Amino acid sequence: MESGPAIFAGSVFALFGGALLLWTAVRVRHREPVAQGVNPVASAALASLAAIAALLLGTWCFLHV
């Protein structure tokens, strides 16, 4: 019964991390701001770090199924 929540959490983290990383890459490639009113380099770096952290957390959840 414990594998169900781990699969759900892993899926949510993986989808969020992948979508955030893709969105950040598209914004940077089109030279559009990632966050309004913030340094473009800092906002892109912070968003990328958050996306990678979510992907790692999703991977961790899947490994503990």
PDB file of N, CA and C in Angstrom:
ATOM      1  N   MET A   1       0.811  -1.200   0.000  1.00  0.00           N
ATOM      2  CA  MET A   1       0.000   0.000   0.000  1.00  0.00           C
ATOM      3  C   MET A   1       0.851   1.260   0.000  1.00  0.00           C
ATOM      4  N   GLU A   2       2.114   1.191   0.431  1.00  0.00           N
ATOM      5  CA  GLU A   2       2.930   2.384   0.503  1.00  0.00           C
ATOM      6  C   GLU A   2       3.479   2.797  -0.846  1.00  0.00           C
ATOM      7  N   SER A   3       3.432   1.929  -1.841  1.00  0.00           N
ATOM      8  CA  SER A   3       3.984   2.289  -3.142  1.00  0.00           C
ATOM      9  C   SER A   3       3.064   3.242  -3.901  1.00  0.00           C
ATOM     10  N   GLY A   4       1.783   3.234  -3.605  1.00  0.00           N
ATOM     11  CA  GLY A   4       0.850   4.133  -4.295  1.00  0.00           C
ATOM     12  C   GLY A   4       1.161   5.599  -4.070  1.00  0.00           C
ATOM     13  N   PRO A   5       1.295   6.054  -2.829  1.00  0.00           N
ATOM     14  CA  PRO A   5       1.648   7.445  -2.597  1.00  0.00           C
ATOM     15  C   PRO A   5       3.027   7.814  -3.138  1.00  0.00           C
ATOM     16  N   ALA A   6       3.978   6.881  -3.092  1.00  0.00           N
ATOM     17  CA  ALA A   6       5.316   7.172  -3.619  1.00  0.00           C
ATOM     18  C   ALA A   6       5.273   7.352  -5.125  1.00  0.00           C
ATOM     19  N   ILE A   7       4.486   6.550  -5.800  1.00  0.00           N
ATOM     20  CA  ILE A   7       4.357   6.692  -7.259  1.00  0.00           C
ATOM     21  C   ILE A   7       3.671   8.004  -7.595  1.00  0.00           C
ATOM     22  N   PHE A   8       2.625   8.347  -6.857  1.00  0.00           N
ATOM     23  CA  PHE A   8       1.928   9.611  -7.097  1.00  0.00           C
ATOM     24  C   PHE A   8       2.850  10.800  -6.856  1.00  0.00           C
ATOM     25  N   ALA A   9       3.556  10.805  -5.726  1.00  0.00           N
ATOM     26  CA  ALA A   9       4.457  11.917  -5.402  1.00  0.00           C
ATOM     27  C   ALA A   9       5.589  12.000  -6.414  1.00  0.00           C
ATOM     28  N   GLY A  10       6.148  10.873  -6.801  1.00  0.00           N
ATOM     29  CA  GLY A  10       7.216  10.868  -7.800  1.00  0.00           C
ATOM     30  C   GLY A  10       6.741  11.406  -9.137  1.00  0.00           C
ATOM     31  N   SER A  11       5.532  11.051  -9.527  1.00  0.00           N
ATOM     32  CA  SER A  11       4.973  11.561 -10.780  1.00  0.00           C
ATOM     33  C   SER A  11       4.754  13.065 -10.734  1.00  0.00           C
ATOM     34  N   VAL A  12       4.226  13.539  -9.622  1.00  0.00           N
ATOM     35  CA  VAL A  12       3.978  14.977  -9.482  1.00  0.00           C
ATOM     36  C   VAL A  12       5.291  15.748  -9.522  1.00  0.00           C
ATOM     37  N   PHE A  13       6.284  15.298  -8.766  1.00  0.00           N
ATOM     38  CA  PHE A  13       7.575  15.989  -8.761  1.00  0.00           C
ATOM     39  C   PHE A  13       8.237  15.936 -10.132  1.00  0.00           C
ATOM     40  N   ALA A  14       8.177  14.790 -10.805  1.00  0.00           N
ATOM     41  CA  ALA A  14       8.810  14.659 -12.112  1.00  0.00           C
ATOM     42  C   ALA A  14       8.115  15.546 -13.157  1.00  0.00           C
ATOM     43  N   LEU A  15       6.797  15.566 -13.142  1.00  0.00           N
ATOM     44  CA  LEU A  15       6.076  16.420 -14.096  1.00  0.00           C
ATOM     45  C   LEU A  15       6.330  17.896 -13.832  1.00  0.00           C
ATOM     46  N   PHE A  16       6.303  18.294 -12.565  1.00  0.00           N
ATOM     47  CA  PHE A  16       6.552  19.691 -12.229  1.00  0.00           C
ATOM     48  C   PHE A  16       7.973  20.097 -12.597  1.00  0.00           C
ATOM     49  N   GLY A  17       8.955  19.275 -12.234  1.00  0.00           N
ATOM     50  CA  GLY A  17      10.343  19.596 -12.538  1.00  0.00           C
ATOM     51  C   GLY A  17      10.610  19.659 -14.028  1.00  0.00           C
ATOM     52  N   GLY A  18      10.068  18.707 -14.772  1.00  0.00           N
ATOM     53  CA  GLY A  18      10.259  18.718 -16.226  1.00  0.00           C
ATOM     54  C   GLY A  18       9.596  19.905 -16.888  1.00  0.00           C
ATOM     55  N   ALA A  19       8.379  20.223 -16.460  1.00  0.00           N
ATOM     56  CA  ALA A  19       7.668  21.372 -17.040  1.00  0.00           C
ATOM     57  C   ALA A  19       8.363  22.686 -16.694  1.00  0.00           C
ATOM     58  N   LEU A  20       8.830  22.818 -15.461  1.00  0.00           N
ATOM     59  CA  LEU A  20       9.521  24.044 -15.064  1.00  0.00           C
ATOM     60  C   LEU A  20      10.837  24.202 -15.809  1.00  0.00           C
ATOM     61  N   LEU A  21      11.569  23.121 -15.987  1.00  0.00           N
ATOM     62  CA  LEU A  21      12.827  23.181 -16.717  1.00  0.00           C
ATOM     63  C   LEU A  21      12.590  23.515 -18.183  1.00  0.00           C
ATOM     64  N   LEU A  22      11.570  22.927 -18.786  1.00  0.00           N
ATOM     65  CA  LEU A  22      11.244  23.226 -20.179  1.00  0.00           C
ATOM     66  C   LEU A  22      10.796  24.669 -20.339  1.00  0.00           C
ATOM     67  N   TRP A  23       9.939  25.135 -19.442  1.00  0.00           N
ATOM     68  CA  TRP A  23       9.448  26.509 -19.507  1.00  0.00           C
ATOM     69  C   TRP A  23      10.589  27.511 -19.346  1.00  0.00           C
ATOM     70  N   THR A  24      11.485  27.237 -18.408  1.00  0.00           N
ATOM     71  CA  THR A  24      12.632  28.120 -18.186  1.00  0.00           C
ATOM     72  C   THR A  24      13.530  28.147 -19.413  1.00  0.00           C
ATOM     73  N   ALA A  25      13.778  27.004 -20.020  1.00  0.00           N
ATOM     74  CA  ALA A  25      14.632  26.947 -21.205  1.00  0.00           C
ATOM     75  C   ALA A  25      14.021  27.721 -22.364  1.00  0.00           C
ATOM     76  N   VAL A  26      12.719  27.613 -22.555  1.00  0.00           N
ATOM     77  CA  VAL A  26      12.058  28.343 -23.639  1.00  0.00           C
ATOM     78  C   VAL A  26      12.118  29.847 -23.391  1.00  0.00           C
ATOM     79  N   ARG A  27      11.871  30.259 -22.154  1.00  0.00           N
ATOM     80  CA  ARG A  27      11.930  31.693 -21.834  1.00  0.00           C
ATOM     81  C   ARG A  27      13.334  32.254 -22.050  1.00  0.00           C
ATOM     82  N   VAL A  28      14.351  31.511 -21.626  1.00  0.00           N
ATOM     83  CA  VAL A  28      15.733  31.973 -21.788  1.00  0.00           C
ATOM     84  C   VAL A  28      16.115  32.009 -23.263  1.00  0.00           C
ATOM     85  N   ARG A  29      15.698  31.000 -24.001  1.00  0.00           N
ATOM     86  CA  ARG A  29      16.043  30.939 -25.431  1.00  0.00           C
ATOM     87  C   ARG A  29      15.419  32.092 -26.208  1.00  0.00           C
ATOM     88  N   HIS A  30      14.220  32.500 -25.843  1.00  0.00           N
ATOM     89  CA  HIS A  30      13.558  33.626 -26.516  1.00  0.00           C
ATOM     90  C   HIS A  30      13.934  34.973 -25.911  1.00  0.00           C
ATOM     91  N   ARG A  31      14.846  34.950 -24.961  1.00  0.00           N
ATOM     92  CA  ARG A  31      15.327  36.152 -24.276  1.00  0.00           C
ATOM     93  C   ARG A  31      14.189  36.928 -23.608  1.00  0.00           C
ATOM     94  N   GLU A  32      13.279  36.192 -23.013  1.00  0.00           N
ATOM     95  CA  GLU A  32      12.178  36.774 -22.254  1.00  0.00           C
ATOM     96  C   GLU A  32      12.455  36.573 -20.771  1.00  0.00           C
ATOM     97  N   PRO A  33      11.939  37.433 -19.915  1.00  0.00           N
ATOM     98  CA  PRO A  33      12.226  37.278 -18.484  1.00  0.00           C
ATOM     99  C   PRO A  33      11.551  36.039 -17.890  1.00  0.00           C
ATOM    100  N   VAL A  34      12.270  35.388 -17.008  1.00  0.00           N
ATOM    101  CA  VAL A  34      11.714  34.229 -16.311  1.00  0.00           C
ATOM    102  C   VAL A  34      10.820  34.702 -15.174  1.00  0.00           C
ATOM    103  N   ALA A  35      11.237  35.779 -14.502  1.00  0.00           N
ATOM    104  CA  ALA A  35      10.442  36.397 -13.443  1.00  0.00           C
ATOM    105  C   ALA A  35      10.450  37.900 -13.674  1.00  0.00           C
ATOM    106  N   GLN A  36       9.313  38.506 -13.552  1.00  0.00           N
ATOM    107  CA  GLN A  36       9.171  39.938 -13.811  1.00  0.00           C
ATOM    108  C   GLN A  36       9.856  40.763 -12.717  1.00  0.00           C
ATOM    109  N   GLY A  37      10.682  41.711 -13.122  1.00  0.00           N
ATOM    110  CA  GLY A  37      11.307  42.624 -12.176  1.00  0.00           C
ATOM    111  C   GLY A  37      12.490  42.059 -11.415  1.00  0.00           C
ATOM    112  N   VAL A  38      13.055  40.944 -11.878  1.00  0.00           N
ATOM    113  CA  VAL A  38      14.183  40.305 -11.200  1.00  0.00           C
ATOM    114  C   VAL A  38      15.318  40.167 -12.212  1.00  0.00           C
ATOM    115  N   ASN A  39      16.540  40.115 -11.711  1.00  0.00           N
ATOM    116  CA  ASN A  39      17.700  39.917 -12.574  1.00  0.00           C
ATOM    117  C   ASN A  39      17.479  38.656 -13.428  1.00  0.00           C
ATOM    118  N   PRO A  40      17.585  38.753 -14.762  1.00  0.00           N
ATOM    119  CA  PRO A  40      17.303  37.594 -15.626  1.00  0.00           C
ATOM    120  C   PRO A  40      18.187  36.379 -15.349  1.00  0.00           C
ATOM    121  N   VAL A  41      19.458  36.619 -15.074  1.00  0.00           N
ATOM    122  CA  VAL A  41      20.366  35.496 -14.821  1.00  0.00           C
ATOM    123  C   VAL A  41      20.017  34.816 -13.493  1.00  0.00           C
ATOM    124  N   ALA A  42      19.755  35.607 -12.478  1.00  0.00           N
ATOM    125  CA  ALA A  42      19.423  35.041 -11.174  1.00  0.00           C
ATOM    126  C   ALA A  42      18.104  34.277 -11.218  1.00  0.00           C
ATOM    127  N   SER A  43      17.097  34.821 -11.890  1.00  0.00           N
ATOM    128  CA  SER A  43      15.801  34.140 -11.942  1.00  0.00           C
ATOM    129  C   SER A  43      15.883  32.847 -12.742  1.00  0.00           C
ATOM    130  N   ALA A  44      16.649  32.848 -13.838  1.00  0.00           N
ATOM    131  CA  ALA A  44      16.804  31.626 -14.627  1.00  0.00           C
ATOM    132  C   ALA A  44      17.572  30.573 -13.832  1.00  0.00           C
ATOM    133  N   ALA A  45      18.591  30.993 -13.113  1.00  0.00           N
ATOM    134  CA  ALA A  45      19.369  30.047 -12.311  1.00  0.00           C
ATOM    135  C   ALA A  45      18.529  29.463 -11.179  1.00  0.00           C
ATOM    136  N   LEU A  46      17.773  30.301 -10.497  1.00  0.00           N
ATOM    137  CA  LEU A  46      16.950  29.819  -9.388  1.00  0.00           C
ATOM    138  C   LEU A  46      15.845  28.882  -9.882  1.00  0.00           C
ATOM    139  N   ALA A  47      15.219  29.227 -11.000  1.00  0.00           N
ATOM    140  CA  ALA A  47      14.179  28.358 -11.554  1.00  0.00           C
ATOM    141  C   ALA A  47      14.767  27.024 -12.006  1.00  0.00           C
ATOM    142  N   SER A  48      15.957  27.057 -12.589  1.00  0.00           N
ATOM    143  CA  SER A  48      16.612  25.818 -13.014  1.00  0.00           C
ATOM    144  C   SER A  48      16.965  24.947 -11.815  1.00  0.00           C
ATOM    145  N   LEU A  49      17.466  25.565 -10.755  1.00  0.00           N
ATOM    146  CA  LEU A  49      17.788  24.802  -9.550  1.00  0.00           C
ATOM    147  C   LEU A  49      16.540  24.179  -8.925  1.00  0.00           C
ATOM    148  N   ALA A  50      15.442  24.916  -8.912  1.00  0.00           N
ATOM    149  CA  ALA A  50      14.192  24.375  -8.376  1.00  0.00           C
ATOM    150  C   ALA A  50      13.693  23.212  -9.237  1.00  0.00           C
ATOM    151  N   ALA A  51      13.830  23.330 -10.547  1.00  0.00           N
ATOM    152  CA  ALA A  51      13.398  22.254 -11.445  1.00  0.00           C
ATOM    153  C   ALA A  51      14.250  21.005 -11.251  1.00  0.00           C
ATOM    154  N   ILE A  52      15.555  21.193 -11.142  1.00  0.00           N
ATOM    155  CA  ILE A  52      16.440  20.047 -10.947  1.00  0.00           C
ATOM    156  C   ILE A  52      16.178  19.398  -9.589  1.00  0.00           C
ATOM    157  N   ALA A  53      15.926  20.209  -8.570  1.00  0.00           N
ATOM    158  CA  ALA A  53      15.607  19.652  -7.255  1.00  0.00           C
ATOM    159  C   ALA A  53      14.319  18.836  -7.304  1.00  0.00           C
ATOM    160  N   ALA A  54      13.310  19.320  -8.025  1.00  0.00           N
ATOM    161  CA  ALA A  54      12.057  18.569  -8.143  1.00  0.00           C
ATOM    162  C   ALA A  54      12.273  17.263  -8.905  1.00  0.00           C
ATOM    163  N   LEU A  55      13.095  17.304  -9.955  1.00  0.00           N
ATOM    164  CA  LEU A  55      13.380  16.076 -10.694  1.00  0.00           C
ATOM    165  C   LEU A  55      14.136  15.069  -9.830  1.00  0.00           C
ATOM    166  N   LEU A  56      15.078  15.547  -9.045  1.00  0.00           N
ATOM    167  CA  LEU A  56      15.811  14.655  -8.157  1.00  0.00           C
ATOM    168  C   LEU A  56      14.895  14.069  -7.081  1.00  0.00           C
ATOM    169  N   LEU A  57      14.006  14.877  -6.565  1.00  0.00           N
ATOM    170  CA  LEU A  57      13.059  14.392  -5.566  1.00  0.00           C
ATOM    171  C   LEU A  57      12.116  13.347  -6.166  1.00  0.00           C
ATOM    172  N   GLY A  58      11.663  13.579  -7.393  1.00  0.00           N
ATOM    173  CA  GLY A  58      10.833  12.592  -8.074  1.00  0.00           C
ATOM    174  C   GLY A  58      11.569  11.286  -8.307  1.00  0.00           C
ATOM    175  N   THR A  59      12.841  11.393  -8.696  1.00  0.00           N
ATOM    176  CA  THR A  59      13.656  10.194  -8.888  1.00  0.00           C
ATOM    177  C   THR A  59      13.832   9.444  -7.577  1.00  0.00           C
ATOM    178  N   TRP A  60      14.055  10.184  -6.505  1.00  0.00           N
ATOM    179  CA  TRP A  60      14.208   9.564  -5.188  1.00  0.00           C
ATOM    180  C   TRP A  60      12.932   8.824  -4.799  1.00  0.00           C
ATOM    181  N   CYS A  61      11.784   9.442  -5.076  1.00  0.00           N
ATOM    182  CA  CYS A  61      10.505   8.773  -4.757  1.00  0.00           C
ATOM    183  C   CYS A  61      10.344   7.490  -5.546  1.00  0.00           C
ATOM    184  N   PHE A  62      10.716   7.517  -6.826  1.00  0.00           N
ATOM    185  CA  PHE A  62      10.575   6.320  -7.650  1.00  0.00           C
ATOM    186  C   PHE A  62      11.549   5.213  -7.225  1.00  0.00           C
ATOM    187  N   LEU A  63      12.702   5.600  -6.726  1.00  0.00           N
ATOM    188  CA  LEU A  63      13.674   4.588  -6.295  1.00  0.00           C
ATOM    189  C   LEU A  63      13.267   3.911  -5.000  1.00  0.00           C
ATOM    190  N   HIS A  64      12.381   4.519  -4.240  1.00  0.00           N
ATOM    191  CA  HIS A  64      11.939   3.945  -2.966  1.00  0.00           C
ATOM    192  C   HIS A  64      10.572   3.279  -3.054  1.00  0.00           C
ATOM    193  N   VAL A  65      10.194   2.885  -4.233  1.00  0.00           N
ATOM    194  CA  VAL A  65       8.896   2.213  -4.421  1.00  0.00           C
ATOM    195  C   VAL A  65       9.025   0.766  -4.042  1.00  0.00           C
TER     196      VAL A  65
END
